[in-house]
């Protein structure tokens, strides 16, 4: 079975594993060429050092998702303190951030509207050294989180559109302020400009979990 990284709604797909260290970090990104700082290649994904590693995808119009979107990311955090997974947030210009939260090793999605944030937090906690497919969806004015293909936590409402400040999409830390550094491995990341159904999210998990779990 294949995952669903196809169609116009997929605006970014980063495959960070490969057969050799000279393979590019991207497989499908609609002309976007990520810039890798650190984030060392491994056969299962890019390893982030928790200090200054990041992948910068720029701020193409296709990445400026403000009314509906889905983010999925295979991660294996080495620690479970506050750290960025995927963000369009530099501490001043702020759209959204998916991150491991500071409280109880949960994960969360925060979005900004008119400069104020709304956050949805997972019910489950993460264990260091374990692979997870974490996901977040914004649809019909609601934020929802997913863990390993299942809904995780109650939905939280916020009216669309969210803010569209001029800020690059990054993996592993927030640019400019260079904080919330991810410590662990990332295998794959998807960003869609639509809300995937629960069945589609579960399909992506089942189609890719053989590499991680």
Protein backbone atom coordinates (compact mmCIF):
# COMPACT_ATOMS: atom_id res chain seq x y z
CA UNK A 1 0.00 0.00 0.00
CA UNK A 2 1.18 3.49 -0.79
CA UNK A 3 0.70 6.66 1.26
CA UNK A 4 -1.29 9.55 -0.16
CA UNK A 5 1.46 12.08 -1.04
CA UNK A 6 -0.13 12.80 -4.40
CA UNK A 7 -2.50 15.33 -5.92
CA UNK A 8 -2.75 19.09 -5.91
CA UNK A 9 -3.54 19.29 -2.20
CA UNK A 10 -0.07 18.06 -1.23
CA UNK A 11 2.09 21.19 -1.06
CA UNK A 12 5.14 19.66 0.64
CA UNK A 13 6.45 16.12 1.12
CA UNK A 14 9.92 15.64 2.60
CA UNK A 15 11.41 12.16 2.60
CA UNK A 16 14.45 12.31 4.82
CA UNK A 17 15.59 8.70 4.68
CA UNK A 18 17.31 7.07 1.73
CA UNK A 19 19.86 4.54 0.58
CA UNK A 20 22.85 6.86 0.90
CA UNK A 21 23.81 10.13 2.53
CA UNK A 22 24.04 11.99 -0.79
CA UNK A 23 20.33 11.55 -1.59
CA UNK A 24 18.34 14.81 -1.48
CA UNK A 25 16.11 15.47 1.50
CA UNK A 26 13.09 16.09 -0.71
CA UNK A 27 11.15 13.77 -2.97
CA UNK A 28 8.15 15.90 -3.84
CA UNK A 29 7.87 19.59 -3.06
CA UNK A 30 6.46 21.44 -6.10
CA UNK A 31 9.68 23.30 -6.84
CA UNK A 32 10.60 23.94 -3.21
CA UNK A 33 14.26 23.16 -2.44
CA UNK A 34 14.82 22.79 1.32
CA UNK A 35 18.01 24.13 2.87
CA UNK A 36 19.50 21.70 5.39
CA UNK A 37 21.59 22.99 8.29
CA UNK A 38 23.10 20.10 10.22
CA UNK A 39 20.35 17.44 10.39
CA UNK A 40 22.65 14.52 9.58
CA UNK A 41 21.45 11.78 7.22
CA UNK A 42 20.67 8.34 8.63
CA UNK A 43 19.03 5.39 6.91
CA UNK A 44 15.76 6.09 8.78
CA UNK A 45 15.70 9.86 8.62
CA UNK A 46 17.54 13.07 9.43
CA UNK A 47 19.04 13.32 12.91
CA UNK A 48 18.67 16.72 14.62
CA UNK A 49 21.15 17.55 17.39
CA UNK A 50 18.91 19.63 19.67
CA UNK A 51 21.25 22.63 19.32
CA UNK A 52 21.02 24.34 15.93
CA UNK A 53 19.95 21.82 13.25
CA UNK A 54 17.08 22.77 10.98
CA UNK A 55 15.54 22.39 7.52
CA UNK A 56 14.28 25.62 5.94
CA UNK A 57 11.64 25.30 3.20
CA UNK A 58 11.14 29.01 2.48
CA UNK A 59 7.83 30.82 2.19
CA UNK A 60 6.42 29.93 -1.23
CA UNK A 61 2.79 30.87 -1.81
CA UNK A 62 1.86 27.17 -1.73
CA UNK A 63 3.08 26.94 1.88
CA UNK A 64 0.88 29.80 3.07
CA UNK A 65 -2.00 27.64 4.28
CA UNK A 66 -4.48 29.71 6.27
CA UNK A 67 -7.98 28.24 5.90
CA UNK A 68 -7.48 24.47 6.02
CA UNK A 69 -4.46 22.16 6.23
CA UNK A 70 -3.09 18.84 7.45
CA UNK A 71 0.44 18.21 8.79
CA UNK A 72 1.86 14.73 9.32
CA UNK A 73 5.37 13.94 10.58
CA UNK A 74 7.21 10.76 11.54
CA UNK A 75 9.38 11.66 14.54
CA UNK A 76 11.51 9.89 17.13
CA UNK A 77 12.35 12.44 19.83
CA UNK A 78 15.38 11.69 21.99
CA UNK A 79 13.98 13.94 24.69
CA UNK A 80 10.43 15.10 25.40
CA UNK A 81 10.92 18.72 26.37
CA UNK A 82 9.66 21.72 24.37
CA UNK A 83 10.86 21.37 20.76
CA UNK A 84 9.71 22.34 17.28
CA UNK A 85 8.60 19.78 14.69
CA UNK A 86 7.14 21.93 11.88
CA UNK A 87 6.62 25.68 12.11
CA UNK A 88 5.84 28.92 10.33
CA UNK A 89 6.85 30.98 13.33
CA UNK A 90 10.01 32.97 14.07
CA UNK A 91 8.92 34.42 17.39
CA UNK A 92 7.67 37.64 15.78
CA UNK A 93 5.96 36.58 12.54
CA UNK A 94 3.65 33.74 13.50
CA UNK A 95 1.27 31.46 11.56
CA UNK A 96 1.41 28.01 13.19
CA UNK A 97 3.70 25.60 15.02
CA UNK A 98 3.47 21.85 15.63
CA UNK A 99 5.73 20.95 18.53
CA UNK A 100 6.45 18.71 21.47
CA UNK A 101 5.14 20.78 24.37
CA UNK A 102 6.87 21.69 27.60
CA UNK A 103 4.16 20.12 29.74
CA UNK A 104 4.10 16.37 30.24
CA UNK A 105 5.69 15.31 26.93
CA UNK A 106 2.47 15.99 25.04
CA UNK A 107 2.45 17.52 21.58
CA UNK A 108 0.44 20.48 20.39
CA UNK A 109 -0.54 22.69 17.49
CA UNK A 110 -0.73 26.44 17.98
CA UNK A 111 -2.12 28.85 15.38
CA UNK A 112 -2.24 32.63 15.41
CA UNK A 113 -5.17 34.84 14.45
CA UNK A 114 -4.99 38.62 14.82
CA UNK A 115 -1.81 38.09 16.83
CA UNK A 116 -3.42 35.85 19.45
CA UNK A 117 -2.71 32.12 19.73
CA UNK A 118 -5.06 29.16 20.01
CA UNK A 119 -3.61 25.78 21.01
CA UNK A 120 -4.82 22.19 20.92
CA UNK A 121 -2.90 19.68 23.06
CA UNK A 122 -2.71 15.91 22.72
CA UNK A 123 -4.26 13.52 25.22
CA UNK A 124 -1.36 11.08 24.85
CA UNK A 125 2.20 11.62 25.99
CA UNK A 126 5.30 10.76 24.01
CA UNK A 127 8.14 8.49 25.14
CA UNK A 128 11.73 9.39 24.26
CA UNK A 129 13.31 7.02 21.74
CA UNK A 130 9.97 5.90 20.25
CA UNK A 131 8.74 6.51 16.69
CA UNK A 132 5.40 8.29 16.25
CA UNK A 133 3.35 9.63 13.36
CA UNK A 134 2.09 12.92 14.81
CA UNK A 135 -0.50 14.88 12.92
CA UNK A 136 -2.55 18.06 13.06
CA UNK A 137 -5.53 19.27 11.05
CA UNK A 138 -7.28 22.62 10.72
CA UNK A 139 -10.74 22.32 9.18
CA UNK A 140 -14.13 24.00 9.52
CA UNK A 141 -12.81 26.26 12.26
CA UNK A 142 -11.40 23.43 14.36
CA UNK A 143 -7.93 22.23 15.31
CA UNK A 144 -7.52 18.47 15.81
CA UNK A 145 -4.50 16.28 16.63
CA UNK A 146 -3.72 12.72 15.55
CA UNK A 147 -1.29 10.11 16.84
CA UNK A 148 -0.44 7.00 14.81
CA UNK A 149 -3.50 7.41 12.63
CA UNK A 150 -6.03 7.99 15.41
CA UNK A 151 -7.66 11.13 16.83
CA UNK A 152 -5.79 12.26 19.92
CA UNK A 153 -7.45 14.87 22.11
CA UNK A 154 -10.52 17.05 21.80
CA UNK A 155 -10.91 19.50 18.94
CA UNK A 156 -10.48 23.23 19.63
CA UNK A 157 -12.25 25.93 17.67
CA UNK A 158 -10.70 28.96 15.95
CA UNK A 159 -12.19 30.83 13.00
CA UNK A 160 -10.43 30.75 9.62
CA UNK A 161 -8.34 32.27 8.22
CA UNK A 162 -5.35 32.28 10.54
CA UNK A 163 -2.61 34.91 10.24
CA UNK A 164 -0.37 34.84 7.17
CA UNK A 165 2.75 36.64 8.39
CA UNK A 166 5.88 36.58 6.18
CA UNK A 167 7.84 33.71 7.73
CA UNK A 168 9.54 30.60 6.35
CA UNK A 169 8.36 27.06 7.02
CA UNK A 170 11.00 25.23 9.04
CA UNK A 171 11.58 21.84 10.61
CA UNK A 172 13.55 21.40 13.82
CA UNK A 173 13.62 24.91 15.24
CA UNK A 174 12.23 28.41 14.90
CA UNK A 175 14.42 30.62 12.69
CA UNK A 176 15.72 34.00 13.85
CA UNK A 177 15.28 33.20 17.55
CA UNK A 178 16.89 29.75 17.02
CA UNK A 179 15.05 28.08 19.87
CA UNK A 180 12.84 25.03 20.53
CA UNK A 181 15.49 22.84 18.93
CA UNK A 182 14.37 19.34 17.97
CA UNK A 183 16.51 16.54 19.41
CA UNK A 184 15.90 13.25 17.60
CA UNK A 185 15.15 11.87 14.14
CA UNK A 186 12.53 12.87 11.55
CA UNK A 187 11.67 10.43 8.78
CA UNK A 188 8.95 12.03 6.63
CA UNK A 189 6.84 15.19 6.69
CA UNK A 190 3.68 15.99 4.72
CA UNK A 191 1.83 19.30 4.41
CA UNK A 192 -1.54 19.38 2.63
CA UNK A 193 -3.65 22.44 1.87
CA UNK A 194 -6.80 20.52 2.69
CA UNK A 195 -8.10 18.55 5.64
CA UNK A 196 -7.40 14.86 5.17
CA UNK A 197 -10.11 12.54 6.41
CA UNK A 198 -9.44 10.27 9.36
CA UNK A 199 -9.38 7.34 6.92
CA UNK A 200 -6.69 9.06 4.81
CA UNK A 201 -4.56 9.84 7.86
CA UNK A 202 -4.84 6.24 9.04
CA UNK A 203 -3.98 5.06 5.52
CA UNK A 204 -0.77 7.13 5.53
CA UNK A 205 0.16 5.64 8.90
CA UNK A 206 -0.47 2.06 7.79
CA UNK A 207 1.35 2.59 4.48
CA UNK A 208 4.54 3.94 6.08
CA UNK A 209 4.79 2.44 9.57
CA UNK A 210 6.81 -0.56 8.34
CA UNK A 211 9.88 1.68 8.22
CA UNK A 212 9.54 2.95 11.78
CA UNK A 213 7.62 0.56 14.06
